[in-house]
Amino acid sequence: MIRKLLFLTAGLWSGLCVASGTLSVGKEISPEDITEFFYTRENINYHASFLRYRYFLEDGRPFFYHVKREREDYGPTTEKDTVSSGTVALTPEDWNGVLELLKDGRVRKRQDSAESGSSGPWMYLYWKNDRGILQEYAFSSYGKQRSFEEFSERLAARSGISQENSGAESSLGK
């Protein structure tokens, strides 16, 4: 009886979260179900820049892709403005570190926005049973977001992969 009640309560809570349009990583979305995460920041003003971090699973193995582009003038950057990029396989410890940083974050329905001038970051989370509805991600706190950014910067630096010597780089993440 108690087991049925717990099951019904969990189902009701999950249904309410979906109806409200918000899910929590670690509660309604299991960290083990995460398959991909994008973090993108872009500035098209003077000293234009573009930064993307992508964490993803391929054949069950975790990877990290990064690209950084910079230019001195205005406008969106292009591939010719790339200063570093690459794809590197992650250790289980690295992948678990990413999942821990994403934990307690919120995922909601993608929002169309008429705002202009924002440089982001824009963040999207994909997971098993994701139906393309709830994907826009927000960290649980600014501190956790900064920790994620620092973690990703260390991985990008550690990868030692640049545009010129990136044998592992593929069309993934472009």
N, C-alpha and C. Protein backbone atom coordinates (compact mmCIF):
# COMPACT_ATOMS: atom_id res chain seq x y z
N MET A 1 0.82 -1.18 0.00
CA MET A 1 0.00 0.00 0.00
C MET A 1 0.87 1.26 0.00
N ILE A 2 1.87 1.30 0.89
CA ILE A 2 2.76 2.46 0.97
C ILE A 2 3.54 2.59 -0.33
N ARG A 3 3.96 1.46 -0.88
CA ARG A 3 4.71 1.47 -2.13
C ARG A 3 3.87 2.09 -3.25
N LYS A 4 2.59 1.72 -3.33
CA LYS A 4 1.68 2.28 -4.35
C LYS A 4 1.51 3.78 -4.14
N LEU A 5 1.36 4.19 -2.89
CA LEU A 5 1.19 5.60 -2.58
C LEU A 5 2.43 6.40 -2.98
N LEU A 6 3.61 5.87 -2.67
CA LEU A 6 4.85 6.54 -3.07
C LEU A 6 4.97 6.63 -4.58
N PHE A 7 4.61 5.56 -5.27
CA PHE A 7 4.66 5.56 -6.73
C PHE A 7 3.71 6.59 -7.31
N LEU A 8 2.48 6.64 -6.78
CA LEU A 8 1.50 7.61 -7.27
C LEU A 8 1.93 9.03 -6.97
N THR A 9 2.51 9.26 -5.78
CA THR A 9 2.99 10.59 -5.41
C THR A 9 4.12 11.02 -6.33
N ALA A 10 5.06 10.13 -6.60
CA ALA A 10 6.17 10.45 -7.50
C ALA A 10 5.65 10.75 -8.89
N GLY A 11 4.69 9.97 -9.36
CA GLY A 11 4.12 10.22 -10.68
C GLY A 11 3.39 11.54 -10.74
N LEU A 12 2.66 11.86 -9.69
CA LEU A 12 1.94 13.13 -9.63
C LEU A 12 2.91 14.30 -9.63
N TRP A 13 3.98 14.21 -8.81
CA TRP A 13 4.98 15.27 -8.73
C TRP A 13 5.65 15.47 -10.09
N SER A 14 6.03 14.38 -10.73
CA SER A 14 6.65 14.47 -12.05
C SER A 14 5.70 15.10 -13.05
N GLY A 15 4.44 14.69 -13.01
CA GLY A 15 3.44 15.26 -13.91
C GLY A 15 3.24 16.74 -13.67
N LEU A 16 3.25 17.17 -12.42
CA LEU A 16 3.11 18.59 -12.09
C LEU A 16 4.30 19.40 -12.60
N CYS A 17 5.50 18.84 -12.47
CA CYS A 17 6.70 19.53 -12.95
C CYS A 17 6.66 19.70 -14.46
N VAL A 18 6.26 18.65 -15.16
CA VAL A 18 6.16 18.74 -16.62
C VAL A 18 5.08 19.75 -16.99
N ALA A 19 3.94 19.72 -16.29
CA ALA A 19 2.86 20.65 -16.58
C ALA A 19 3.30 22.08 -16.32
N SER A 20 4.12 22.29 -15.28
CA SER A 20 4.59 23.64 -14.98
C SER A 20 5.69 24.05 -15.95
N GLY A 21 6.23 23.10 -16.69
CA GLY A 21 7.25 23.41 -17.68
C GLY A 21 8.66 23.49 -17.12
N THR A 22 8.89 22.96 -15.93
CA THR A 22 10.21 22.99 -15.33
C THR A 22 10.54 21.65 -14.69
N LEU A 23 11.75 21.15 -14.98
CA LEU A 23 12.24 19.93 -14.36
C LEU A 23 13.57 20.25 -13.69
N SER A 24 13.91 19.48 -12.67
CA SER A 24 15.16 19.68 -11.94
C SER A 24 16.08 18.50 -12.20
N VAL A 25 17.36 18.81 -12.49
CA VAL A 25 18.35 17.76 -12.66
C VAL A 25 18.67 17.20 -11.28
N GLY A 26 18.55 15.90 -11.17
CA GLY A 26 18.78 15.24 -9.91
C GLY A 26 17.48 14.84 -9.24
N LYS A 27 16.39 15.42 -9.67
CA LYS A 27 15.08 15.04 -9.15
C LYS A 27 14.29 14.41 -10.28
N GLU A 28 13.72 15.21 -11.16
CA GLU A 28 12.93 14.65 -12.26
C GLU A 28 13.79 14.13 -13.41
N ILE A 29 14.99 14.68 -13.56
CA ILE A 29 15.93 14.20 -14.58
C ILE A 29 17.13 13.61 -13.85
N SER A 30 17.34 12.33 -14.03
CA SER A 30 18.49 11.67 -13.41
C SER A 30 19.77 12.12 -14.13
N PRO A 31 20.83 12.47 -13.38
CA PRO A 31 22.09 12.84 -14.04
C PRO A 31 22.61 11.75 -14.97
N GLU A 32 22.33 10.49 -14.65
CA GLU A 32 22.78 9.38 -15.49
C GLU A 32 22.06 9.35 -16.84
N ASP A 33 20.93 10.07 -16.95
CA ASP A 33 20.18 10.11 -18.20
C ASP A 33 20.63 11.23 -19.14
N ILE A 34 21.52 12.10 -18.67
CA ILE A 34 21.99 13.22 -19.50
C ILE A 34 22.86 12.68 -20.63
N THR A 35 22.56 13.12 -21.85
CA THR A 35 23.32 12.67 -23.01
C THR A 35 24.11 13.79 -23.68
N GLU A 36 23.72 15.06 -23.42
CA GLU A 36 24.40 16.16 -24.11
C GLU A 36 24.08 17.48 -23.40
N PHE A 37 25.07 18.38 -23.38
CA PHE A 37 24.88 19.70 -22.79
C PHE A 37 25.67 20.72 -23.61
N PHE A 38 24.99 21.80 -23.99
CA PHE A 38 25.62 22.90 -24.73
C PHE A 38 25.65 24.15 -23.88
N TYR A 39 26.78 24.85 -23.92
CA TYR A 39 26.95 26.15 -23.27
C TYR A 39 27.55 27.06 -24.33
N THR A 40 26.86 28.14 -24.69
CA THR A 40 27.32 29.04 -25.75
C THR A 40 27.23 30.48 -25.29
N ARG A 41 28.29 31.22 -25.58
CA ARG A 41 28.34 32.65 -25.30
C ARG A 41 28.86 33.33 -26.57
N GLU A 42 28.21 34.44 -26.95
CA GLU A 42 28.62 35.14 -28.17
C GLU A 42 28.46 36.64 -28.00
N ASN A 43 29.44 37.37 -28.52
CA ASN A 43 29.41 38.83 -28.54
C ASN A 43 29.68 39.27 -29.97
N ILE A 44 28.76 40.00 -30.58
CA ILE A 44 28.98 40.44 -31.97
C ILE A 44 29.34 41.92 -32.04
N ASN A 45 29.59 42.54 -30.88
CA ASN A 45 30.03 43.92 -30.85
C ASN A 45 31.52 44.00 -31.14
N TYR A 46 32.12 45.16 -30.93
CA TYR A 46 33.55 45.31 -31.14
C TYR A 46 34.29 44.27 -30.30
N HIS A 47 35.37 43.71 -30.84
CA HIS A 47 36.08 42.57 -30.25
C HIS A 47 35.12 41.38 -30.15
N ALA A 48 34.52 41.04 -31.27
CA ALA A 48 33.55 39.96 -31.34
C ALA A 48 34.18 38.65 -30.87
N SER A 49 33.34 37.80 -30.25
CA SER A 49 33.84 36.52 -29.75
C SER A 49 32.71 35.50 -29.74
N PHE A 50 33.12 34.24 -29.73
CA PHE A 50 32.19 33.12 -29.68
C PHE A 50 32.86 32.04 -28.86
N LEU A 51 32.12 31.44 -27.93
CA LEU A 51 32.64 30.35 -27.12
C LEU A 51 31.56 29.29 -26.98
N ARG A 52 31.92 28.05 -27.24
CA ARG A 52 30.97 26.95 -27.06
C ARG A 52 31.68 25.80 -26.37
N TYR A 53 30.99 25.27 -25.35
CA TYR A 53 31.39 24.02 -24.71
C TYR A 53 30.27 23.04 -24.97
N ARG A 54 30.65 21.84 -25.37
CA ARG A 54 29.66 20.79 -25.60
C ARG A 54 30.15 19.52 -24.92
N TYR A 55 29.34 18.99 -24.04
CA TYR A 55 29.60 17.72 -23.39
C TYR A 55 28.62 16.73 -23.99
N PHE A 56 29.09 15.54 -24.37
CA PHE A 56 28.17 14.60 -25.01
C PHE A 56 28.67 13.17 -24.87
N LEU A 57 27.73 12.25 -25.05
CA LEU A 57 28.04 10.83 -25.06
C LEU A 57 28.01 10.35 -26.50
N GLU A 58 28.99 9.54 -26.85
CA GLU A 58 29.02 8.90 -28.17
C GLU A 58 29.36 7.44 -27.93
N ASP A 59 28.44 6.56 -28.31
CA ASP A 59 28.60 5.12 -28.04
C ASP A 59 28.85 4.87 -26.55
N GLY A 60 28.18 5.66 -25.70
CA GLY A 60 28.29 5.50 -24.26
C GLY A 60 29.53 6.12 -23.63
N ARG A 61 30.42 6.68 -24.45
CA ARG A 61 31.65 7.30 -23.93
C ARG A 61 31.49 8.81 -23.88
N PRO A 62 31.93 9.46 -22.79
CA PRO A 62 31.79 10.92 -22.67
C PRO A 62 32.91 11.67 -23.39
N PHE A 63 32.53 12.78 -24.02
CA PHE A 63 33.47 13.64 -24.73
C PHE A 63 33.20 15.10 -24.38
N PHE A 64 34.22 15.92 -24.64
CA PHE A 64 34.14 17.36 -24.45
C PHE A 64 34.61 18.01 -25.74
N TYR A 65 33.80 18.91 -26.28
CA TYR A 65 34.16 19.68 -27.47
C TYR A 65 34.17 21.15 -27.07
N HIS A 66 35.15 21.88 -27.57
CA HIS A 66 35.18 23.31 -27.32
C HIS A 66 35.64 24.05 -28.57
N VAL A 67 35.13 25.26 -28.71
CA VAL A 67 35.59 26.13 -29.79
C VAL A 67 35.56 27.57 -29.25
N LYS A 68 36.61 28.30 -29.58
CA LYS A 68 36.71 29.71 -29.20
C LYS A 68 37.10 30.50 -30.45
N ARG A 69 36.32 31.54 -30.72
CA ARG A 69 36.58 32.39 -31.89
C ARG A 69 36.67 33.84 -31.43
N GLU A 70 37.56 34.59 -32.05
CA GLU A 70 37.73 36.00 -31.72
C GLU A 70 38.06 36.79 -32.98
N ARG A 71 37.58 38.05 -33.00
CA ARG A 71 37.96 38.96 -34.07
C ARG A 71 37.93 40.38 -33.52
N GLU A 72 38.67 41.26 -34.12
CA GLU A 72 38.83 42.61 -33.60
C GLU A 72 37.67 43.54 -33.93
N ASP A 73 36.89 43.22 -34.95
CA ASP A 73 35.83 44.14 -35.36
C ASP A 73 34.46 43.62 -34.96
N TYR A 74 33.44 44.17 -35.57
CA TYR A 74 32.05 43.83 -35.25
C TYR A 74 31.56 42.64 -36.06
N GLY A 75 30.47 42.05 -35.58
CA GLY A 75 29.78 41.03 -36.34
C GLY A 75 30.04 39.64 -35.82
N PRO A 76 29.27 38.69 -36.30
CA PRO A 76 29.46 37.30 -35.85
C PRO A 76 30.80 36.75 -36.33
N THR A 77 31.40 35.92 -35.51
CA THR A 77 32.66 35.29 -35.91
C THR A 77 32.37 34.12 -36.85
N THR A 78 33.37 33.74 -37.59
CA THR A 78 33.26 32.60 -38.50
C THR A 78 34.36 31.60 -38.17
N GLU A 79 34.38 30.49 -38.86
CA GLU A 79 35.39 29.47 -38.60
C GLU A 79 36.80 30.01 -38.78
N LYS A 80 36.99 30.96 -39.68
CA LYS A 80 38.34 31.51 -39.88
C LYS A 80 38.83 32.31 -38.68
N ASP A 81 37.92 32.68 -37.76
CA ASP A 81 38.28 33.42 -36.55
C ASP A 81 38.60 32.49 -35.37
N THR A 82 38.62 31.18 -35.61
CA THR A 82 38.85 30.20 -34.55
C THR A 82 40.27 30.32 -34.01
N VAL A 83 40.37 30.46 -32.69
CA VAL A 83 41.68 30.51 -32.04
C VAL A 83 42.00 29.19 -31.34
N SER A 84 40.99 28.43 -30.97
CA SER A 84 41.22 27.09 -30.42
C SER A 84 39.94 26.28 -30.54
N SER A 85 40.11 24.99 -30.72
CA SER A 85 38.97 24.08 -30.77
C SER A 85 39.48 22.65 -30.67
N GLY A 86 38.59 21.77 -30.33
CA GLY A 86 38.97 20.37 -30.28
C GLY A 86 37.97 19.52 -29.55
N THR A 87 38.14 18.22 -29.70
CA THR A 87 37.31 17.23 -29.03
C THR A 87 38.24 16.30 -28.28
N VAL A 88 37.89 16.01 -27.04
CA VAL A 88 38.72 15.14 -26.22
C VAL A 88 37.81 14.18 -25.44
N ALA A 89 38.27 12.94 -25.30
CA ALA A 89 37.55 11.96 -24.49
C ALA A 89 37.71 12.33 -23.02
N LEU A 90 36.63 12.19 -22.27
CA LEU A 90 36.65 12.50 -20.84
C LEU A 90 36.87 11.25 -20.01
N THR A 91 37.51 11.43 -18.88
CA THR A 91 37.62 10.34 -17.91
C THR A 91 36.27 10.21 -17.21
N PRO A 92 36.02 9.07 -16.59
CA PRO A 92 34.78 8.96 -15.79
C PRO A 92 34.71 10.03 -14.70
N GLU A 93 35.85 10.40 -14.12
CA GLU A 93 35.87 11.44 -13.09
C GLU A 93 35.45 12.79 -13.68
N ASP A 94 35.95 13.12 -14.89
CA ASP A 94 35.57 14.37 -15.55
C ASP A 94 34.06 14.39 -15.82
N TRP A 95 33.54 13.30 -16.37
CA TRP A 95 32.11 13.23 -16.70
C TRP A 95 31.26 13.38 -15.44
N ASN A 96 31.67 12.68 -14.37
CA ASN A 96 30.94 12.80 -13.10
C ASN A 96 31.02 14.22 -12.56
N GLY A 97 32.16 14.89 -12.78
CA GLY A 97 32.30 16.29 -12.37
C GLY A 97 31.31 17.20 -13.09
N VAL A 98 31.13 16.96 -14.40
CA VAL A 98 30.16 17.73 -15.18
C VAL A 98 28.76 17.48 -14.65
N LEU A 99 28.42 16.22 -14.46
CA LEU A 99 27.07 15.89 -13.98
C LEU A 99 26.80 16.51 -12.61
N GLU A 100 27.81 16.52 -11.76
CA GLU A 100 27.64 17.14 -10.43
C GLU A 100 27.40 18.64 -10.54
N LEU A 101 28.08 19.30 -11.47
CA LEU A 101 27.88 20.74 -11.66
C LEU A 101 26.50 21.05 -12.25
N LEU A 102 25.97 20.13 -13.07
CA LEU A 102 24.65 20.34 -13.66
C LEU A 102 23.52 20.02 -12.68
N LYS A 103 23.84 19.22 -11.66
CA LYS A 103 22.83 18.79 -10.69
C LYS A 103 22.18 20.00 -10.01
N ASP A 104 20.90 19.90 -9.78
CA ASP A 104 20.05 20.93 -9.17
C ASP A 104 19.70 22.07 -10.11
N GLY A 105 20.23 22.05 -11.33
CA GLY A 105 19.84 23.04 -12.32
C GLY A 105 18.42 22.76 -12.80
N ARG A 106 17.83 23.73 -13.46
CA ARG A 106 16.45 23.62 -13.94
C ARG A 106 16.41 23.60 -15.45
N VAL A 107 15.52 22.79 -15.97
CA VAL A 107 15.31 22.69 -17.41
C VAL A 107 13.87 23.09 -17.68
N ARG A 108 13.67 23.97 -18.65
CA ARG A 108 12.33 24.43 -18.99
C ARG A 108 12.16 24.42 -20.51
N LYS A 109 10.95 24.70 -20.92
CA LYS A 109 10.64 24.78 -22.34
C LYS A 109 11.46 25.91 -22.96
N ARG A 110 11.94 25.66 -24.17
CA ARG A 110 12.68 26.71 -24.88
C ARG A 110 11.79 27.93 -25.04
N GLN A 111 12.38 29.09 -24.78
CA GLN A 111 11.64 30.34 -24.85
C GLN A 111 12.12 31.17 -26.04
N ASP A 112 11.18 31.68 -26.83
CA ASP A 112 11.52 32.65 -27.86
C ASP A 112 11.62 33.99 -27.17
N SER A 113 12.63 34.76 -27.51
CA SER A 113 12.82 36.03 -26.85
C SER A 113 13.03 37.12 -27.88
N ALA A 114 12.43 38.26 -27.64
CA ALA A 114 12.60 39.41 -28.52
C ALA A 114 13.76 40.29 -28.06
N GLU A 115 14.41 39.88 -26.96
CA GLU A 115 15.53 40.67 -26.44
C GLU A 115 16.66 40.68 -27.45
N SER A 116 17.36 41.79 -27.52
CA SER A 116 18.52 41.86 -28.40
C SER A 116 19.72 42.30 -27.58
N GLY A 117 20.87 41.98 -28.06
CA GLY A 117 22.09 42.42 -27.42
C GLY A 117 22.62 41.48 -26.35
N SER A 118 21.92 40.42 -26.03
CA SER A 118 22.41 39.50 -25.03
C SER A 118 23.56 38.68 -25.59
N SER A 119 24.58 38.46 -24.77
CA SER A 119 25.70 37.62 -25.19
C SER A 119 25.57 36.21 -24.63
N GLY A 120 24.47 35.95 -23.95
CA GLY A 120 24.24 34.64 -23.37
C GLY A 120 24.73 34.62 -21.94
N PRO A 121 25.02 33.47 -21.42
CA PRO A 121 25.14 32.21 -22.14
C PRO A 121 23.78 31.58 -22.42
N TRP A 122 23.77 30.80 -23.49
CA TRP A 122 22.60 29.99 -23.83
C TRP A 122 22.99 28.56 -23.54
N MET A 123 22.12 27.88 -22.80
CA MET A 123 22.46 26.53 -22.35
C MET A 123 21.30 25.59 -22.62
N TYR A 124 21.64 24.42 -23.18
CA TYR A 124 20.62 23.42 -23.52
C TYR A 124 21.07 22.05 -23.05
N LEU A 125 20.15 21.33 -22.43
CA LEU A 125 20.40 20.01 -21.88
C LEU A 125 19.52 18.99 -22.59
N TYR A 126 20.11 17.87 -22.96
CA TYR A 126 19.39 16.77 -23.62
C TYR A 126 19.58 15.52 -22.77
N TRP A 127 18.56 14.70 -22.68
CA TRP A 127 18.61 13.50 -21.85
C TRP A 127 17.74 12.42 -22.47
N LYS A 128 17.91 11.20 -21.95
CA LYS A 128 17.08 10.07 -22.40
C LYS A 128 15.63 10.44 -22.16
N ASN A 129 14.79 10.10 -23.07
CA ASN A 129 13.36 10.41 -23.04
C ASN A 129 13.05 11.89 -23.25
N ASP A 130 14.06 12.66 -23.62
CA ASP A 130 13.85 14.07 -23.98
C ASP A 130 13.01 14.08 -25.25
N ARG A 131 11.95 14.81 -25.22
CA ARG A 131 11.06 14.86 -26.38
C ARG A 131 11.16 16.20 -27.12
N GLY A 132 12.25 16.91 -26.88
CA GLY A 132 12.47 18.17 -27.58
C GLY A 132 11.63 19.32 -27.06
N ILE A 133 11.07 19.17 -25.88
CA ILE A 133 10.20 20.21 -25.33
C ILE A 133 10.93 21.00 -24.23
N LEU A 134 11.43 20.29 -23.23
CA LEU A 134 12.09 20.93 -22.09
C LEU A 134 13.60 20.77 -22.24
N GLN A 135 14.28 21.80 -22.72
CA GLN A 135 15.71 21.70 -22.98
C GLN A 135 16.51 22.93 -22.53
N GLU A 136 15.86 24.04 -22.29
CA GLU A 136 16.59 25.25 -21.91
C GLU A 136 17.03 25.13 -20.45
N TYR A 137 18.32 25.21 -20.23
CA TYR A 137 18.90 24.92 -18.92
C TYR A 137 19.31 26.20 -18.19
N ALA A 138 19.21 26.19 -16.86
CA ALA A 138 19.73 27.25 -15.99
C ALA A 138 20.38 26.60 -14.78
N PHE A 139 21.57 27.05 -14.43
CA PHE A 139 22.25 26.54 -13.25
C PHE A 139 21.47 26.92 -12.00
N SER A 140 21.68 26.15 -10.93
CA SER A 140 20.97 26.40 -9.67
C SER A 140 21.45 27.68 -8.99
N SER A 141 22.67 28.12 -9.32
CA SER A 141 23.20 29.35 -8.74
C SER A 141 24.28 29.92 -9.66
N TYR A 142 24.57 31.19 -9.48
CA TYR A 142 25.65 31.81 -10.26
C TYR A 142 26.99 31.17 -9.88
N GLY A 143 27.17 30.83 -8.62
CA GLY A 143 28.40 30.19 -8.18
C GLY A 143 28.64 28.86 -8.87
N LYS A 144 27.57 28.08 -9.05
CA LYS A 144 27.70 26.79 -9.73
C LYS A 144 28.01 27.01 -11.22
N GLN A 145 27.41 28.05 -11.80
CA GLN A 145 27.71 28.37 -13.21
C GLN A 145 29.17 28.76 -13.37
N ARG A 146 29.69 29.58 -12.46
CA ARG A 146 31.11 29.98 -12.51
C ARG A 146 32.02 28.76 -12.34
N SER A 147 31.66 27.86 -11.44
CA SER A 147 32.44 26.63 -11.26
C SER A 147 32.45 25.81 -12.54
N PHE A 148 31.30 25.73 -13.22
CA PHE A 148 31.21 25.02 -14.49
C PHE A 148 32.13 25.69 -15.53
N GLU A 149 32.07 27.01 -15.63
CA GLU A 149 32.91 27.74 -16.59
C GLU A 149 34.39 27.49 -16.32
N GLU A 150 34.79 27.55 -15.06
CA GLU A 150 36.19 27.30 -14.70
C GLU A 150 36.60 25.86 -15.00
N PHE A 151 35.72 24.91 -14.70
CA PHE A 151 35.97 23.49 -15.00
C PHE A 151 36.18 23.32 -16.51
N SER A 152 35.31 23.93 -17.31
CA SER A 152 35.40 23.81 -18.77
C SER A 152 36.66 24.48 -19.31
N GLU A 153 37.03 25.61 -18.75
CA GLU A 153 38.26 26.29 -19.16
C GLU A 153 39.47 25.40 -18.90
N ARG A 154 39.50 24.74 -17.75
CA ARG A 154 40.61 23.83 -17.43
C ARG A 154 40.65 22.65 -18.40
N LEU A 155 39.47 22.09 -18.74
CA LEU A 155 39.44 20.99 -19.71
C LEU A 155 39.94 21.44 -21.07
N ALA A 156 39.51 22.63 -21.51
CA ALA A 156 39.94 23.14 -22.81
C ALA A 156 41.45 23.34 -22.82
N ALA A 157 42.00 23.90 -21.76
CA ALA A 157 43.44 24.12 -21.69
C ALA A 157 44.19 22.78 -21.61
N ARG A 158 43.64 21.85 -20.84
CA ARG A 158 44.27 20.54 -20.67
C ARG A 158 44.28 19.74 -21.96
N SER A 159 43.26 19.96 -22.80
CA SER A 159 43.18 19.18 -24.03
C SER A 159 44.35 19.47 -24.95
N GLY A 160 44.88 20.71 -24.89
CA GLY A 160 46.02 21.05 -25.73
C GLY A 160 45.73 20.93 -27.21
N ILE A 161 44.47 20.97 -27.57
CA ILE A 161 44.08 20.80 -28.96
C ILE A 161 43.82 22.16 -29.57
N SER A 162 44.47 22.45 -30.67
CA SER A 162 44.21 23.70 -31.38
C SER A 162 43.63 23.37 -32.75
N GLN A 163 43.19 24.37 -33.44
CA GLN A 163 42.59 24.19 -34.77
C GLN A 163 43.55 23.44 -35.69
N GLU A 164 44.82 23.75 -35.60
CA GLU A 164 45.80 23.19 -36.53
C GLU A 164 46.11 21.71 -36.29
N ASN A 165 46.10 21.26 -35.01
CA ASN A 165 46.54 19.89 -34.75
C ASN A 165 45.43 19.01 -34.19
N SER A 166 44.22 19.32 -34.52
CA SER A 166 43.08 18.59 -33.96
C SER A 166 42.72 17.39 -34.81
N GLY A 167 43.46 16.31 -34.65
CA GLY A 167 43.14 15.10 -35.37
C GLY A 167 41.84 14.47 -34.91
N ALA A 168 41.47 14.71 -33.66
CA ALA A 168 40.24 14.14 -33.12
C ALA A 168 39.02 14.95 -33.50
N GLU A 169 39.23 16.17 -33.99
CA GLU A 169 38.08 17.02 -34.29
C GLU A 169 37.33 16.48 -35.49
N SER A 170 36.04 16.57 -35.43
CA SER A 170 35.20 16.12 -36.52
C SER A 170 34.10 17.14 -36.73
N SER A 171 33.10 16.78 -37.45
CA SER A 171 31.99 17.69 -37.68
C SER A 171 31.11 17.79 -36.43
N LEU A 172 31.38 16.98 -35.40
CA LEU A 172 30.60 17.04 -34.17
C LEU A 172 30.73 18.41 -33.54
N GLY A 173 29.60 18.98 -33.16
CA GLY A 173 29.61 20.23 -32.43
C GLY A 173 29.75 21.46 -33.29
N LYS A 174 29.85 21.31 -34.57
CA LYS A 174 29.99 22.50 -35.43
C LYS A 174 28.67 22.97 -35.90
